[in-house]
N, C-alpha and C. Protein backbone atom coordinates (compact mmCIF):
# COMPACT_ATOMS: atom_id res chain seq x y z
N ASP A 1 -114.51 -146.46 41.30
CA ASP A 1 -113.71 -147.03 42.57
C ASP A 1 -114.53 -147.66 43.05
N ILE A 2 -115.97 -147.95 43.07
CA ILE A 2 -116.65 -148.75 43.34
C ILE A 2 -116.46 -150.00 43.30
N GLY A 3 -116.04 -150.48 41.85
CA GLY A 3 -115.80 -152.09 41.43
C GLY A 3 -114.87 -151.98 42.36
N ALA A 4 -113.95 -151.30 42.24
CA ALA A 4 -112.19 -151.21 42.81
C ALA A 4 -112.29 -152.00 44.52
N GLU A 5 -113.38 -151.21 44.86
CA GLU A 5 -114.19 -151.69 46.50
C GLU A 5 -114.19 -152.81 46.98
N GLN A 6 -115.11 -153.37 45.65
CA GLN A 6 -115.64 -154.63 45.45
C GLN A 6 -114.25 -155.42 45.53
N PHE A 7 -113.52 -155.81 44.21
CA PHE A 7 -112.35 -156.56 44.29
C PHE A 7 -111.41 -156.21 45.39
N ALA A 8 -111.08 -155.15 46.41
CA ALA A 8 -110.60 -155.28 47.06
C ALA A 8 -111.33 -156.30 48.62
N GLU A 9 -112.12 -155.98 48.45
CA GLU A 9 -112.68 -156.90 49.60
C GLU A 9 -112.86 -158.75 49.42
N ALA A 10 -113.02 -158.35 47.81
CA ALA A 10 -112.84 -160.20 47.65
C ALA A 10 -111.46 -160.56 47.99
N LEU A 11 -110.26 -159.83 47.55
CA LEU A 11 -108.99 -160.25 47.91
C LEU A 11 -108.64 -160.01 49.17
N LYS A 12 -109.49 -159.54 50.43
CA LYS A 12 -109.16 -159.92 51.36
C LYS A 12 -109.30 -161.76 51.92
N THR A 13 -110.44 -162.29 51.08
CA THR A 13 -110.58 -163.33 51.75
C THR A 13 -110.30 -164.51 50.34
N ASN A 14 -109.47 -164.17 49.54
CA ASN A 14 -109.22 -164.91 48.33
C ASN A 14 -108.57 -165.82 48.64
N ASN A 15 -108.25 -167.18 48.43
CA ASN A 15 -107.44 -167.96 48.59
C ASN A 15 -106.86 -168.45 47.33
N THR A 16 -107.50 -168.44 45.94
CA THR A 16 -106.69 -168.66 44.55
C THR A 16 -105.94 -168.01 43.68
N LEU A 17 -106.56 -166.43 43.83
CA LEU A 17 -106.32 -165.79 42.71
C LEU A 17 -105.25 -165.05 42.58
N GLU A 18 -103.62 -165.41 41.59
CA GLU A 18 -102.87 -165.38 42.18
C GLU A 18 -102.06 -163.87 40.91
N HIS A 19 -102.73 -163.76 40.17
CA HIS A 19 -102.49 -162.90 39.09
C HIS A 19 -103.80 -161.82 39.03
N LEU A 20 -103.47 -160.23 39.25
CA LEU A 20 -104.87 -159.55 38.50
C LEU A 20 -104.32 -158.38 38.15
N ASN A 21 -105.31 -157.88 36.94
CA ASN A 21 -104.91 -157.02 36.01
C ASN A 21 -106.06 -156.00 35.71
N LEU A 22 -106.20 -154.66 36.52
CA LEU A 22 -107.16 -154.03 36.28
C LEU A 22 -106.51 -152.50 35.85
N GLY A 23 -105.62 -152.92 34.67
CA GLY A 23 -105.21 -151.43 34.43
C GLY A 23 -106.18 -150.78 33.24
N GLY A 24 -105.85 -149.63 33.36
CA GLY A 24 -107.30 -149.13 32.78
C GLY A 24 -107.88 -148.68 33.12
N ASN A 25 -108.49 -148.71 34.26
CA ASN A 25 -110.02 -148.90 35.13
C ASN A 25 -110.20 -147.51 35.69
N LYS A 26 -109.59 -146.48 35.71
CA LYS A 26 -109.72 -145.01 36.25
C LYS A 26 -109.70 -145.03 37.96
N ILE A 27 -109.02 -146.37 38.26
CA ILE A 27 -108.71 -145.99 40.16
C ILE A 27 -107.98 -145.60 40.17
N SER A 28 -108.53 -144.67 41.36
CA SER A 28 -107.66 -143.63 41.97
C SER A 28 -107.29 -143.85 43.98
N ASP A 29 -106.92 -143.04 43.93
CA ASP A 29 -105.65 -143.15 45.42
C ASP A 29 -107.16 -144.14 46.19
N ILE A 30 -108.21 -143.81 46.67
CA ILE A 30 -109.43 -143.71 47.09
C ILE A 30 -109.56 -146.17 46.80
N GLY A 31 -109.43 -146.17 45.66
CA GLY A 31 -109.27 -147.65 45.37
C GLY A 31 -107.93 -148.09 45.26
N ALA A 32 -106.88 -147.82 45.54
CA ALA A 32 -105.19 -147.99 45.66
C ALA A 32 -105.40 -148.30 47.43
N GLU A 33 -105.90 -147.27 48.08
CA GLU A 33 -106.34 -147.76 49.00
C GLU A 33 -106.72 -148.86 49.81
N GLN A 34 -107.62 -148.74 49.40
CA GLN A 34 -108.56 -150.28 49.39
C GLN A 34 -107.71 -151.24 48.91
N PHE A 35 -107.28 -151.68 48.01
CA PHE A 35 -106.35 -152.56 47.59
C PHE A 35 -105.63 -152.77 48.22
N ALA A 36 -104.39 -151.94 49.35
CA ALA A 36 -103.58 -152.05 49.99
C ALA A 36 -104.21 -152.65 51.45
N GLU A 37 -105.11 -151.97 52.03
CA GLU A 37 -105.92 -152.62 52.99
C GLU A 37 -105.80 -153.88 52.76
N ALA A 38 -106.40 -154.45 51.54
CA ALA A 38 -106.49 -156.00 51.65
C ALA A 38 -105.63 -156.97 50.75
N LEU A 39 -104.15 -156.37 50.82
CA LEU A 39 -102.91 -156.77 50.58
C LEU A 39 -102.43 -156.96 51.85
N LYS A 40 -103.10 -156.40 52.96
CA LYS A 40 -102.49 -156.58 54.22
C LYS A 40 -102.69 -157.99 55.09
N THR A 41 -103.73 -158.69 54.42
CA THR A 41 -104.38 -159.61 54.55
C THR A 41 -104.44 -161.08 53.32
N ASN A 42 -104.08 -160.12 52.35
CA ASN A 42 -103.86 -161.85 51.19
C ASN A 42 -102.96 -162.60 51.35
N ASN A 43 -103.39 -163.64 50.80
CA ASN A 43 -101.52 -164.32 50.51
C ASN A 43 -101.45 -165.52 49.22
N THR A 44 -102.26 -164.87 48.40
CA THR A 44 -102.03 -165.83 47.36
C THR A 44 -101.62 -165.03 46.20
N LEU A 45 -101.66 -163.15 45.89
CA LEU A 45 -101.90 -162.89 44.68
C LEU A 45 -99.88 -162.40 44.76
N GLU A 46 -99.69 -162.87 43.55
CA GLU A 46 -98.31 -162.62 43.18
C GLU A 46 -98.28 -161.17 42.02
N SER A 47 -99.14 -161.06 41.55
CA SER A 47 -98.85 -159.76 40.41
C SER A 47 -100.24 -159.25 40.59
N LEU A 48 -99.66 -158.02 40.05
CA LEU A 48 -101.05 -156.75 40.69
C LEU A 48 -100.57 -156.10 39.65
N ASN A 49 -102.02 -155.59 38.33
CA ASN A 49 -101.31 -154.81 37.39
C ASN A 49 -102.57 -153.48 37.70
N LEU A 50 -102.09 -152.48 38.06
CA LEU A 50 -103.06 -151.61 38.04
C LEU A 50 -102.29 -150.15 37.37
N ALA A 51 -101.74 -150.51 35.92
CA ALA A 51 -101.31 -149.18 35.31
C ALA A 51 -101.93 -148.16 34.94
N GLU A 52 -102.11 -147.14 34.24
CA GLU A 52 -103.02 -146.89 33.51
C GLU A 52 -104.20 -146.05 34.06
N ASN A 53 -103.64 -145.83 35.63
CA ASN A 53 -105.06 -145.52 36.53
C ASN A 53 -104.70 -144.20 36.61
N LYS A 54 -105.39 -143.79 37.89
CA LYS A 54 -104.99 -142.31 38.49
C LYS A 54 -104.54 -142.11 40.11
N ILE A 55 -103.34 -143.35 39.68
CA ILE A 55 -103.18 -143.12 41.20
C ILE A 55 -102.05 -142.33 41.21
N PHE A 56 -102.47 -141.52 42.92
CA PHE A 56 -101.03 -140.10 42.96
C PHE A 56 -99.73 -140.93 44.42
N ASP A 57 -99.28 -139.86 44.31
CA ASP A 57 -98.30 -140.56 45.38
C ASP A 57 -99.12 -141.24 46.88
N PHE A 58 -100.18 -140.66 46.96
CA PHE A 58 -100.70 -140.90 48.12
C PHE A 58 -100.93 -142.35 48.43
N GLY A 59 -101.68 -143.14 46.96
CA GLY A 59 -101.64 -144.44 46.63
C GLY A 59 -100.94 -144.92 46.93
N ALA A 60 -99.67 -144.81 46.14
CA ALA A 60 -98.42 -145.57 46.04
C ALA A 60 -97.70 -145.94 47.50
N GLU A 61 -97.99 -145.10 48.33
CA GLU A 61 -97.51 -144.80 49.88
C GLU A 61 -97.99 -145.96 50.59
N GLN A 62 -99.66 -145.77 50.22
CA GLN A 62 -100.35 -147.27 50.91
C GLN A 62 -100.36 -147.96 50.52
N PHE A 63 -99.71 -148.65 49.13
CA PHE A 63 -99.65 -149.80 49.07
C PHE A 63 -97.96 -150.15 49.58
N ALA A 64 -96.86 -149.18 49.90
CA ALA A 64 -95.93 -149.64 50.30
C ALA A 64 -95.70 -149.91 51.87
N GLU A 65 -96.53 -149.75 52.38
CA GLU A 65 -97.18 -149.90 53.77
C GLU A 65 -97.26 -151.13 53.86
N ALA A 66 -98.56 -151.32 52.71
CA ALA A 66 -99.36 -152.63 53.05
C ALA A 66 -98.65 -153.66 52.30
N LEU A 67 -97.20 -153.26 51.33
CA LEU A 67 -96.40 -154.54 51.16
C LEU A 67 -95.63 -154.81 51.99
N LYS A 68 -94.87 -153.95 53.38
CA LYS A 68 -94.49 -154.32 54.63
C LYS A 68 -94.73 -155.77 55.19
N THR A 69 -96.34 -155.69 55.41
CA THR A 69 -96.84 -157.59 55.66
C THR A 69 -97.13 -158.40 54.80
N ASN A 70 -96.73 -158.21 53.37
CA ASN A 70 -97.38 -158.81 52.82
C ASN A 70 -96.58 -159.51 51.94
N SER A 71 -95.94 -161.19 51.80
CA SER A 71 -94.43 -161.87 51.15
C SER A 71 -95.45 -162.89 50.29
N THR A 72 -96.39 -162.21 49.40
CA THR A 72 -96.98 -162.93 48.39
C THR A 72 -96.50 -162.31 47.30
N LEU A 73 -96.63 -161.26 47.22
CA LEU A 73 -96.80 -160.34 46.11
C LEU A 73 -95.60 -160.04 45.70
N ARG A 74 -95.34 -160.07 44.18
CA ARG A 74 -93.39 -159.87 43.40
C ARG A 74 -94.13 -158.80 42.54
N GLU A 75 -95.12 -158.52 42.06
CA GLU A 75 -94.63 -157.59 40.87
C GLU A 75 -95.62 -156.71 41.07
N VAL A 76 -95.71 -155.24 41.14
CA VAL A 76 -96.55 -154.65 40.69
C VAL A 76 -96.72 -153.64 39.81
N ASP A 77 -97.51 -153.00 38.77
CA ASP A 77 -97.20 -152.57 37.78
C ASP A 77 -97.94 -151.25 37.64
N LEU A 78 -97.47 -149.77 38.57
CA LEU A 78 -98.39 -149.04 38.61
C LEU A 78 -97.87 -147.43 37.51
N ARG A 79 -97.34 -148.51 36.02
CA ARG A 79 -96.85 -147.31 35.33
C ARG A 79 -98.22 -146.56 34.58
N LYS A 80 -97.74 -145.28 34.23
CA LYS A 80 -98.91 -144.38 33.84
C LYS A 80 -99.93 -143.80 34.63
N ASN A 81 -99.58 -143.73 35.54
CA ASN A 81 -100.11 -143.15 36.83
C ASN A 81 -99.26 -141.72 37.22
N LYS A 82 -100.22 -141.75 38.08
CA LYS A 82 -99.66 -139.97 38.53
C LYS A 82 -98.63 -139.17 39.55
N ILE A 83 -98.40 -141.27 39.58
CA ILE A 83 -96.98 -140.96 40.40
C ILE A 83 -95.53 -140.11 40.40
N SER A 84 -95.29 -139.48 41.18
CA SER A 84 -94.09 -138.57 41.24
C SER A 84 -92.89 -139.08 41.39
N ASP A 85 -91.54 -138.67 40.96
CA ASP A 85 -90.30 -139.47 41.65
C ASP A 85 -90.26 -139.41 43.06
N ILE A 86 -90.75 -138.70 43.47
CA ILE A 86 -90.76 -138.46 45.03
C ILE A 86 -91.63 -139.80 45.60
N GLY A 87 -92.71 -139.94 44.91
CA GLY A 87 -93.77 -141.15 45.38
C GLY A 87 -93.06 -142.45 45.15
N ALA A 88 -92.28 -142.68 43.89
CA ALA A 88 -91.95 -144.02 43.34
C ALA A 88 -90.51 -143.85 44.19
N GLU A 89 -89.73 -142.97 44.93
CA GLU A 89 -88.60 -143.42 45.86
C GLU A 89 -88.70 -143.52 46.82
N ARG A 90 -90.21 -143.18 47.63
CA ARG A 90 -90.67 -143.66 48.77
C ARG A 90 -91.00 -145.18 48.82
N PHE A 91 -91.69 -145.59 48.12
CA PHE A 91 -92.57 -146.56 47.31
C PHE A 91 -91.44 -148.19 47.34
N ALA A 92 -90.12 -147.54 46.77
CA ALA A 92 -89.02 -148.53 46.36
C ALA A 92 -88.12 -148.74 47.51
N LYS A 93 -88.25 -147.67 48.25
CA LYS A 93 -87.19 -147.65 49.68
C LYS A 93 -88.35 -148.76 50.76
N ALA A 94 -89.51 -148.24 50.85
CA ALA A 94 -90.05 -149.29 51.93
C ALA A 94 -90.01 -150.86 51.16
N LEU A 95 -89.97 -151.29 50.15
CA LEU A 95 -89.99 -152.52 49.49
C LEU A 95 -88.61 -153.46 49.34
N GLY A 96 -87.24 -152.58 49.37
CA GLY A 96 -85.55 -153.20 48.85
C GLY A 96 -86.28 -153.55 47.72
N ARG A 97 -85.30 -155.04 47.81
CA ARG A 97 -85.26 -155.26 46.98
C ARG A 97 -86.00 -156.84 46.47
N ARG A 98 -87.14 -156.69 47.05
CA ARG A 98 -88.24 -158.01 47.15
C ARG A 98 -89.09 -157.94 45.87
N MET A 99 -88.88 -157.10 44.90
CA MET A 99 -90.17 -157.57 44.31
C MET A 99 -89.67 -156.37 43.19
N LEU A 100 -90.51 -156.58 42.08
CA LEU A 100 -90.47 -155.81 40.45
C LEU A 100 -91.51 -154.74 40.80
N PHE A 101 -90.67 -153.69 40.71
CA PHE A 101 -92.11 -152.26 40.73
C PHE A 101 -91.59 -151.31 39.38
N ARG A 102 -93.07 -151.43 38.73
CA ARG A 102 -92.85 -150.56 37.59
C ARG A 102 -93.36 -149.45 37.37
N TRP A 103 -93.47 -147.96 37.99
CA TRP A 103 -93.44 -146.60 37.64
C TRP A 103 -93.72 -146.18 36.08
């Protein structure tokens, strides 16, 4: 999650990166929470791949909250994490139909 923290910090001030693939990097809910916080201020990222990590319901909920204020992200891939149906449902409800969500 240390590397995730560094990427998340960079995303806060990023003004060019549109796609980020961090699949298979053992990112946990701690790293997911840091990315979610960064997404509250990032206005360029369009797709984020966090598939095959160690994100649980808490991490999914943090993303859902952050994406309520983020208008640029259109695709989040959280496949092959540890998100239950309940976590996925909460995430989907928070976003409505504005983006593609894979879990």
